[in-house]
Amino acid sequence: MVECPPRIIITDEYTMIESLLNFLGAGGITQLSVGALLLTGLVFTQITIFGVTIYLHRHQSHRALDLHPVIAHFFRFWLWLTTGMVTREWVAIHRKHHAKCETPEDPHSPQTRGIATVLWQGAELYQAEAANRETLEQYGHHTPDDWLERNVYSRYPILGVSIMLITDYLLFGFAGVALWAVQMIWIPFWAAGVINGIGHWWGYRNYETVDASRNIAWLGVLIGGEELHNNHHAFASSAKFSTRWWEVDLGWGYILLLRTLGLARVKKLAPQPRILPSKERIDMDTLRAVFASRLHVMSSYAREVLLPVLRQELRCRDVACRGRLRAARRLLVRNPQTMDDRSRGMLEAALERFAALRTVYQFRERLQAIWDRSATSHDKLLQALQEWCQQAEATGVEALEMFARRLKGYSLQGA
């Protein structure tokens, strides 16, 4: 009697994947298990995203921190292997994005090019702008220009990813080819697509910047702090992207580790408002402090004045009015420059009907107008801020009165 070979019974999805990888010769030199291979892929892609956010973005583009030459060159070398990106090109394109944000000249704005285009063709937009010599000359200054950059990294970008492919295959077998493919699409999808696309399309905003930047905090584990895009656009030169206690910036965590090891030096952080409770007089120190923290001031105004007054109106109105107020809620805190005609019409209809809400919104616009008069003399700006606080305290709106009294305490001086 001829015996049949034992059957291979696949009991779950994990075993099925492991069997497939073994069939493909997944082991390579390392002979890693499926779990170890997946962990390796996670580590490799995380090093790549940290290279982008720490080296290309915070260090090279915005000069928010200095990196030890060894660390800076490691990131440059790793990005050459895993992305083929050229430092000067990435930096120039990103700086132009900030300079021309949400305009037709923005290399990758979903507001002008459409969300589908940026999300799925972000890499193509990057390549098209990288070929623009004017962009590189105008925005690519102070990037590496040593022998290696000129003769290796910039000259042969495809060589790096080719070396990575061979290395992955030798280490992990055919499974390494799949790992290499994941490495190759990681930045084009998550950075060029998701961050540049969804980061200017959908999410929450801590600060009403003039652009459409958004925070998408739930993606933090994957993209190392870059998901806090609105925070970054509000304080572009800050090495730390998180501003709320519950936001997690993994990139900042690694910067702190590098700083502890003496491998990084933080140069710039977002200004934090200093408020002295005993200060009751608006002087030039107050004016300077308020101007330095104006995005914080407007964010606080939305939380401490606009939304409490809106909630008070909601408690006092019928069902139809509540619907109109809820529809206007997100518009109350929006920068008018980012609204379309339909949104402006909805907001105006709500403000026309609710007097208290109209009052606090008008005071918000008047406060914003003070920032817009920055070319005016300091004495006139000081007078405008003093008048604003005086009139706000006389409105009879409790939340607005409390905010005006608190604004007096802003200071650049120590407590």
Protein backbone atom coordinates (compact mmCIF):
# COMPACT_ATOMS: atom_id res chain seq x y z
CA MET A 1 0.00 0.00 0.00
CA VAL A 2 1.40 3.38 -1.02
CA GLU A 3 1.34 5.91 1.76
CA CYS A 4 0.22 9.44 0.97
CA PRO A 5 2.38 12.30 2.19
CA PRO A 6 1.02 14.06 5.25
CA ARG A 7 -1.33 16.92 4.49
CA ILE A 8 -0.38 20.43 5.47
CA ILE A 9 -3.27 21.85 7.42
CA ILE A 10 -3.40 25.64 7.58
CA THR A 11 -5.21 26.52 10.78
CA ASP A 12 -5.26 30.31 10.57
CA GLU A 13 -4.28 33.29 8.47
CA TYR A 14 -0.92 33.67 10.20
CA THR A 15 0.08 30.08 9.34
CA MET A 16 -1.10 30.58 5.77
CA ILE A 17 1.08 33.68 5.34
CA GLU A 18 4.05 31.91 6.92
CA SER A 19 3.64 28.92 4.61
CA LEU A 20 3.45 31.19 1.57
CA LEU A 21 6.57 33.09 2.57
CA ASN A 22 8.46 29.88 3.22
CA PHE A 23 7.40 28.63 -0.20
CA LEU A 24 8.78 31.82 -1.73
CA GLY A 25 12.07 31.41 0.08
CA ALA A 26 11.39 34.19 2.60
CA GLY A 27 14.23 33.25 4.91
CA GLY A 28 17.23 34.62 3.06
CA ILE A 29 20.39 34.86 5.16
CA THR A 30 18.48 35.78 8.31
CA GLN A 31 15.78 33.05 8.19
CA LEU A 32 13.34 35.34 10.03
CA SER A 33 9.87 34.22 11.05
CA VAL A 34 6.83 36.07 9.72
CA GLY A 35 6.46 38.04 12.94
CA ALA A 36 10.10 39.08 12.95
CA LEU A 37 9.88 40.04 9.29
CA LEU A 38 6.83 42.24 9.92
CA LEU A 39 8.60 43.86 12.87
CA THR A 40 11.63 44.50 10.66
CA GLY A 41 9.40 46.18 8.08
CA LEU A 42 7.89 48.40 10.78
CA VAL A 43 11.34 49.40 12.07
CA PHE A 44 12.64 50.15 8.57
CA THR A 45 9.65 52.32 7.62
CA GLN A 46 9.79 54.13 10.95
CA ILE A 47 13.47 54.99 10.43
CA THR A 48 12.49 56.36 7.03
CA ILE A 49 9.66 58.54 8.35
CA PHE A 50 11.88 59.82 11.15
CA GLY A 51 14.50 60.65 8.56
CA VAL A 52 11.89 62.72 6.74
CA THR A 53 10.40 64.50 9.75
CA ILE A 54 13.59 65.04 11.79
CA TYR A 55 16.25 65.49 9.11
CA LEU A 56 14.49 66.78 5.97
CA HIS A 57 11.65 68.68 7.60
CA ARG A 58 12.59 70.06 11.00
CA HIS A 59 16.38 70.22 10.54
CA GLN A 60 16.96 71.04 6.87
CA SER A 61 13.79 72.88 5.80
CA HIS A 62 13.01 74.96 8.89
CA ARG A 63 16.29 74.95 10.83
CA ALA A 64 14.36 74.24 14.04
CA LEU A 65 17.19 72.06 15.37
CA ASP A 66 20.79 71.18 14.72
CA LEU A 67 21.83 67.54 14.28
CA HIS A 68 25.21 66.00 14.93
CA PRO A 69 26.94 65.45 11.56
CA VAL A 70 26.94 61.68 12.07
CA ILE A 71 23.18 61.58 12.64
CA ALA A 72 22.47 64.00 9.79
CA HIS A 73 24.53 61.94 7.39
CA PHE A 74 22.98 58.68 8.57
CA PHE A 75 19.51 60.02 7.74
CA ARG A 76 20.74 61.34 4.39
CA PHE A 77 22.24 57.94 3.55
CA TRP A 78 19.17 56.01 4.73
CA LEU A 79 16.78 58.17 2.72
CA TRP A 80 18.98 57.66 -0.34
CA LEU A 81 18.59 53.90 0.15
CA THR A 82 14.87 53.84 0.92
CA THR A 83 13.42 56.70 -1.13
CA GLY A 84 15.98 58.00 -3.62
CA MET A 85 15.01 61.53 -2.58
CA VAL A 86 17.49 64.38 -2.94
CA THR A 87 17.72 66.67 0.10
CA ARG A 88 17.82 69.88 -1.91
CA GLU A 89 14.75 68.93 -3.94
CA TRP A 90 12.65 67.94 -0.92
CA VAL A 91 13.60 71.05 1.03
CA ALA A 92 12.97 73.41 -1.90
CA ILE A 93 9.54 71.92 -2.63
CA HIS A 94 8.51 72.07 1.01
CA ARG A 95 9.64 75.66 1.45
CA LYS A 96 7.74 76.66 -1.66
CA HIS A 97 4.66 74.92 -0.26
CA HIS A 98 4.81 77.19 2.80
CA ALA A 99 5.53 80.31 0.75
CA LYS A 100 2.72 79.69 -1.79
CA CYS A 101 0.33 77.65 0.35
CA GLU A 102 -3.13 76.98 -1.16
CA THR A 103 -2.38 79.03 -4.27
CA PRO A 104 -1.97 77.71 -7.84
CA GLU A 105 1.81 77.89 -7.26
CA ASP A 106 1.62 75.51 -4.29
CA PRO A 107 3.25 72.28 -5.54
CA HIS A 108 0.67 70.01 -3.87
CA SER A 109 -2.39 71.79 -2.48
CA PRO A 110 -5.64 69.77 -2.59
CA GLN A 111 -7.49 73.09 -2.44
CA THR A 112 -6.29 73.95 -5.95
CA ARG A 113 -5.46 70.53 -7.45
CA GLY A 114 -8.18 68.38 -5.87
CA ILE A 115 -7.88 65.87 -3.04
CA ALA A 116 -7.85 62.82 -5.33
CA THR A 117 -4.95 64.19 -7.37
CA VAL A 118 -2.77 64.93 -4.33
CA LEU A 119 -3.71 61.74 -2.47
CA TRP A 120 -3.05 59.32 -5.32
CA GLN A 121 -0.61 61.26 -7.49
CA GLY A 122 1.41 63.06 -4.81
CA ALA A 123 4.66 61.44 -5.93
CA GLU A 124 4.09 62.61 -9.52
CA LEU A 125 3.48 66.17 -8.30
CA TYR A 126 6.73 65.97 -6.33
CA GLN A 127 8.69 64.77 -9.35
CA ALA A 128 7.22 67.50 -11.57
CA GLU A 129 8.21 70.23 -9.11
CA ALA A 130 11.65 68.70 -8.54
CA ALA A 131 12.31 69.24 -12.26
CA ASN A 132 11.62 72.98 -11.87
CA ARG A 133 15.09 74.55 -11.70
CA GLU A 134 13.66 77.89 -10.57
CA THR A 135 12.15 76.25 -7.48
CA LEU A 136 15.44 74.60 -6.57
CA GLU A 137 17.43 77.80 -7.01
CA GLN A 138 15.01 79.99 -5.07
CA TYR A 139 14.15 77.66 -2.18
CA GLY A 140 16.92 75.05 -2.05
CA HIS A 141 19.62 77.13 -0.36
CA HIS A 142 21.79 75.94 2.54
CA THR A 143 21.33 72.24 1.83
CA PRO A 144 24.20 69.69 1.64
CA ASP A 145 26.61 70.32 -1.24
CA ASP A 146 29.59 68.11 -0.34
CA TRP A 147 31.40 65.59 -2.56
CA LEU A 148 29.05 62.72 -1.68
CA GLU A 149 25.99 64.82 -2.41
CA ARG A 150 27.27 65.99 -5.79
CA ASN A 151 28.81 62.72 -6.95
CA VAL A 152 26.63 60.05 -5.34
CA TYR A 153 23.35 61.02 -3.68
CA SER A 154 22.12 63.65 -6.15
CA ARG A 155 23.80 62.12 -9.19
CA TYR A 156 22.65 58.52 -8.73
CA PRO A 157 19.38 58.49 -6.73
CA ILE A 158 18.30 55.19 -8.34
CA LEU A 159 21.50 53.51 -7.19
CA GLY A 160 20.46 53.82 -3.54
CA VAL A 161 17.09 52.10 -3.91
CA SER A 162 18.72 49.43 -6.10
CA ILE A 163 21.23 48.67 -3.35
CA MET A 164 18.31 48.47 -0.90
CA LEU A 165 16.52 45.97 -3.15
CA ILE A 166 19.57 43.71 -3.36
CA THR A 167 20.19 43.98 0.38
CA ASP A 168 16.58 43.13 1.25
CA TYR A 169 16.66 40.12 -1.07
CA LEU A 170 19.92 38.80 0.35
CA LEU A 171 18.75 39.23 3.93
CA PHE A 172 15.14 38.08 3.63
CA GLY A 173 14.79 36.21 0.36
CA PHE A 174 11.77 36.82 -1.87
CA ALA A 175 9.92 38.24 1.12
CA GLY A 176 12.57 40.95 1.12
CA VAL A 177 11.33 42.04 -2.30
CA ALA A 178 7.89 42.60 -0.79
CA LEU A 179 9.50 44.46 2.11
CA TRP A 180 11.39 46.64 -0.38
CA ALA A 181 8.14 47.43 -2.21
CA VAL A 182 6.56 48.58 1.07
CA GLN A 183 9.60 50.78 1.75
CA MET A 184 9.32 52.31 -1.73
CA ILE A 185 5.63 53.24 -1.42
CA TRP A 186 5.75 54.33 2.24
CA ILE A 187 6.83 57.94 1.69
CA PRO A 188 5.04 58.52 -1.67
CA PHE A 189 1.76 57.43 -0.09
CA TRP A 190 1.96 58.66 3.51
CA ALA A 191 3.98 61.85 2.97
CA ALA A 192 3.30 62.96 -0.59
CA GLY A 193 -0.29 61.70 -0.53
CA VAL A 194 -1.80 61.60 2.95
CA ILE A 195 0.07 64.43 4.72
CA ASN A 196 0.02 66.81 1.75
CA GLY A 197 -3.52 65.78 0.80
CA ILE A 198 -5.64 64.89 3.83
CA GLY A 199 -3.48 67.21 5.94
CA HIS A 200 -4.97 70.12 3.97
CA TRP A 201 -8.45 68.68 3.56
CA TRP A 202 -9.88 66.86 6.57
CA GLY A 203 -9.25 66.87 10.32
CA TYR A 204 -9.35 69.29 13.24
CA ARG A 205 -7.66 72.66 13.64
CA ASN A 206 -6.13 74.07 16.80
CA TYR A 207 -5.20 77.33 15.08
CA GLU A 208 -6.99 79.34 12.42
CA THR A 209 -4.11 79.80 10.01
CA VAL A 210 -4.77 81.39 6.63
CA ASP A 211 -4.19 78.04 4.91
CA ALA A 212 -6.39 74.93 5.10
CA SER A 213 -4.00 72.77 7.18
CA ARG A 214 -5.53 70.12 9.44
CA ASN A 215 -4.40 67.74 12.19
CA ILE A 216 -5.06 64.03 11.72
CA ALA A 217 -3.78 62.82 15.09
CA TRP A 218 -4.94 59.20 14.80
CA LEU A 219 -2.18 58.55 12.22
CA GLY A 220 0.60 59.42 14.64
CA VAL A 221 2.02 55.92 15.01
CA LEU A 222 2.62 55.74 11.26
CA ILE A 223 3.99 59.16 10.35
CA GLY A 224 6.02 60.35 13.33
CA GLY A 225 4.36 63.67 14.21
CA GLU A 226 3.73 64.88 10.66
CA GLU A 227 0.03 64.26 11.24
CA LEU A 228 -0.07 67.44 13.40
CA HIS A 229 -0.02 69.51 10.24
CA ASN A 230 -2.11 72.47 11.40
CA ASN A 231 0.12 72.89 14.45
CA HIS A 232 3.13 72.88 12.15
CA HIS A 233 1.71 75.51 9.80
CA ALA A 234 0.84 77.68 12.79
CA PHE A 235 4.43 77.49 14.12
CA ALA A 236 6.50 76.36 11.15
CA SER A 237 9.90 76.92 12.77
CA SER A 238 9.13 74.90 15.90
CA ALA A 239 10.96 71.61 16.42
CA LYS A 240 7.95 70.29 18.34
CA PHE A 241 4.66 69.78 16.52
CA SER A 242 2.33 68.82 19.40
CA THR A 243 0.68 71.68 21.30
CA ARG A 244 -2.18 70.03 23.24
CA TRP A 245 -1.51 67.71 26.19
CA TRP A 246 -3.15 64.75 24.45
CA GLU A 247 -1.30 65.10 21.13
CA VAL A 248 1.66 62.74 20.62
CA ASP A 249 4.57 63.80 18.44
CA LEU A 250 6.81 60.74 18.09
CA GLY A 251 9.37 62.74 16.13
CA TRP A 252 9.75 65.10 19.09
CA GLY A 253 10.27 62.12 21.38
CA TYR A 254 13.22 60.97 19.27
CA ILE A 255 14.59 64.52 19.14
CA LEU A 256 14.58 64.58 22.95
CA LEU A 257 16.43 61.27 22.96
CA LEU A 258 19.03 62.60 20.51
CA ARG A 259 19.38 65.76 22.60
CA THR A 260 19.95 63.68 25.75
CA LEU A 261 22.71 61.81 23.92
CA GLY A 262 24.28 65.08 22.80
CA LEU A 263 23.38 64.43 19.15
CA ALA A 264 20.84 67.22 18.65
CA ARG A 265 20.28 70.81 19.76
CA VAL A 266 16.80 72.33 19.70
CA LYS A 267 16.89 75.90 18.37
CA LYS A 268 13.24 76.93 18.13
CA LEU A 269 9.94 76.05 19.80
CA ALA A 270 6.45 77.50 19.47
CA PRO A 271 5.95 80.51 21.77
CA GLN A 272 4.01 79.73 24.93
CA PRO A 273 1.89 82.53 26.38
CA ARG A 274 2.90 83.73 29.84
CA ILE A 275 -0.02 85.13 31.84
CA LEU A 276 0.48 87.02 35.10
CA PRO A 277 -2.76 86.99 37.15
CA SER A 278 -1.73 90.11 39.07
CA LYS A 279 -1.19 92.19 35.92
CA GLU A 280 -4.17 94.49 35.36
CA ARG A 281 -2.83 97.12 32.99
CA ILE A 282 -2.32 96.84 29.24
CA ASP A 283 1.10 98.22 28.41
CA MET A 284 3.67 97.75 25.67
CA ASP A 285 4.77 94.47 27.25
CA THR A 286 1.19 93.22 26.97
CA LEU A 287 1.01 94.27 23.32
CA ARG A 288 4.24 92.47 22.42
CA ALA A 289 3.20 89.33 24.30
CA VAL A 290 -0.24 89.26 22.68
CA PHE A 291 1.26 89.73 19.21
CA ALA A 292 3.83 86.97 19.81
CA SER A 293 1.06 84.59 20.93
CA ARG A 294 -1.72 85.80 18.64
CA LEU A 295 -2.57 82.32 17.33
CA HIS A 296 -2.81 81.08 20.91
CA VAL A 297 -4.95 84.11 21.76
CA MET A 298 -7.41 83.45 18.94
CA SER A 299 -7.54 79.75 19.76
CA SER A 300 -8.28 80.59 23.40
CA TYR A 301 -10.95 83.08 22.30
CA ALA A 302 -12.73 80.33 20.39
CA ARG A 303 -12.66 77.92 23.37
CA GLU A 304 -13.33 80.44 26.15
CA VAL A 305 -15.75 82.87 24.50
CA LEU A 306 -17.33 81.73 21.23
CA LEU A 307 -18.16 78.15 22.18
CA PRO A 308 -19.48 78.92 25.70
CA VAL A 309 -21.79 81.61 24.29
CA LEU A 310 -22.92 79.19 21.57
CA ARG A 311 -23.72 76.54 24.20
CA GLN A 312 -25.70 79.10 26.17
CA GLU A 313 -27.73 79.99 23.09
CA LEU A 314 -28.38 76.29 22.41
CA ARG A 315 -29.94 75.87 25.86
CA CYS A 316 -32.36 78.71 25.29
CA ARG A 317 -33.67 78.06 21.76
CA ASP A 318 -36.19 75.77 20.08
CA VAL A 319 -35.31 72.76 17.94
CA ALA A 320 -35.14 74.68 14.64
CA CYS A 321 -32.84 77.32 16.11
CA ARG A 322 -30.58 74.66 17.60
CA GLY A 323 -30.13 73.13 14.17
CA ARG A 324 -29.05 76.46 12.72
CA LEU A 325 -26.66 77.10 15.59
CA ARG A 326 -25.07 73.66 15.30
CA ALA A 327 -24.57 74.21 11.58
CA ALA A 328 -22.80 77.49 12.33
CA ARG A 329 -20.64 76.08 15.13
CA ARG A 330 -17.57 75.16 13.07
CA LEU A 331 -17.88 78.40 11.07
CA LEU A 332 -17.63 80.58 14.18
CA VAL A 333 -14.00 79.63 14.71
CA ARG A 334 -13.01 79.57 11.04
CA ASN A 335 -10.78 82.20 9.52
CA PRO A 336 -13.09 84.18 7.16
CA GLN A 337 -10.40 84.03 4.47
CA THR A 338 -10.86 80.24 4.24
CA MET A 339 -14.68 80.33 3.84
CA ASP A 340 -16.61 80.01 0.61
CA ASP A 341 -19.71 82.10 -0.16
CA ARG A 342 -22.13 79.43 1.06
CA SER A 343 -20.38 79.16 4.43
CA ARG A 344 -20.34 82.94 4.85
CA GLY A 345 -24.07 83.04 4.13
CA MET A 346 -24.82 80.38 6.75
CA LEU A 347 -22.73 82.20 9.34
CA GLU A 348 -24.29 85.58 8.62
CA ALA A 349 -27.80 84.12 8.93
CA ALA A 350 -26.98 82.69 12.35
CA LEU A 351 -25.33 85.86 13.63
CA GLU A 352 -28.22 88.01 12.47
CA ARG A 353 -30.61 86.03 14.66
CA PHE A 354 -28.59 85.62 17.88
CA ALA A 355 -27.45 88.91 19.42
CA ALA A 356 -24.98 87.61 22.03
CA LEU A 357 -23.30 85.40 19.47
CA ARG A 358 -23.11 88.31 17.05
CA THR A 359 -21.48 90.48 19.71
CA VAL A 360 -18.69 88.04 20.58
CA TYR A 361 -18.07 87.26 16.91
CA GLN A 362 -17.72 90.96 16.09
CA PHE A 363 -15.24 91.36 18.93
CA ARG A 364 -13.31 88.42 17.51
CA GLU A 365 -13.09 90.17 14.15
CA ARG A 366 -11.99 93.40 15.80
CA LEU A 367 -9.24 91.56 17.71
CA GLN A 368 -8.10 89.90 14.49
CA ALA A 369 -8.04 93.30 12.80
CA ILE A 370 -5.47 94.51 15.33
CA TRP A 371 -3.00 91.84 14.12
CA ASP A 372 -3.71 92.87 10.54
CA ARG A 373 -2.64 96.44 11.37
CA SER A 374 0.89 95.35 12.28
CA ALA A 375 2.37 98.09 10.08
CA THR A 376 0.73 100.71 12.31
CA SER A 377 2.79 102.40 15.02
CA HIS A 378 3.12 100.63 18.36
CA ASP A 379 1.38 103.46 20.17
CA LYS A 380 -1.72 103.19 17.98
CA LEU A 381 -1.78 99.41 18.27
CA LEU A 382 -1.52 99.71 22.05
CA GLN A 383 -4.40 102.17 22.08
CA ALA A 384 -6.48 99.83 19.91
CA LEU A 385 -5.87 96.89 22.25
CA GLN A 386 -6.70 98.99 25.31
CA GLU A 387 -9.96 100.16 23.73
CA TRP A 388 -10.84 96.59 22.73
CA CYS A 389 -10.42 95.33 26.30
CA GLN A 390 -12.29 98.27 27.79
CA GLN A 391 -15.25 97.83 25.46
CA ALA A 392 -15.24 94.02 25.82
CA GLU A 393 -15.53 94.36 29.61
CA ALA A 394 -18.56 96.63 29.15
CA THR A 395 -20.58 94.24 26.91
CA GLY A 396 -22.33 92.36 29.69
CA VAL A 397 -21.27 89.03 28.14
CA GLU A 398 -19.61 87.19 31.01
CA ALA A 399 -17.32 84.97 28.94
CA LEU A 400 -16.07 87.96 26.93
CA GLU A 401 -15.50 90.06 30.04
CA MET A 402 -13.44 87.29 31.67
CA PHE A 403 -11.36 86.87 28.52
CA ALA A 404 -10.63 90.61 28.32
CA ARG A 405 -9.48 90.69 31.94
CA ARG A 406 -7.26 87.64 31.34
CA LEU A 407 -5.76 89.23 28.21
CA LYS A 408 -4.33 91.99 30.39
CA GLY A 409 -2.10 89.46 32.07
CA TYR A 410 -0.16 88.50 28.94
CA SER A 411 3.52 89.29 29.40
CA LEU A 412 6.96 88.61 27.98
CA GLN A 413 8.45 89.19 31.43
CA GLY A 414 8.96 86.58 34.12
CA ALA A 415 6.42 86.10 36.86
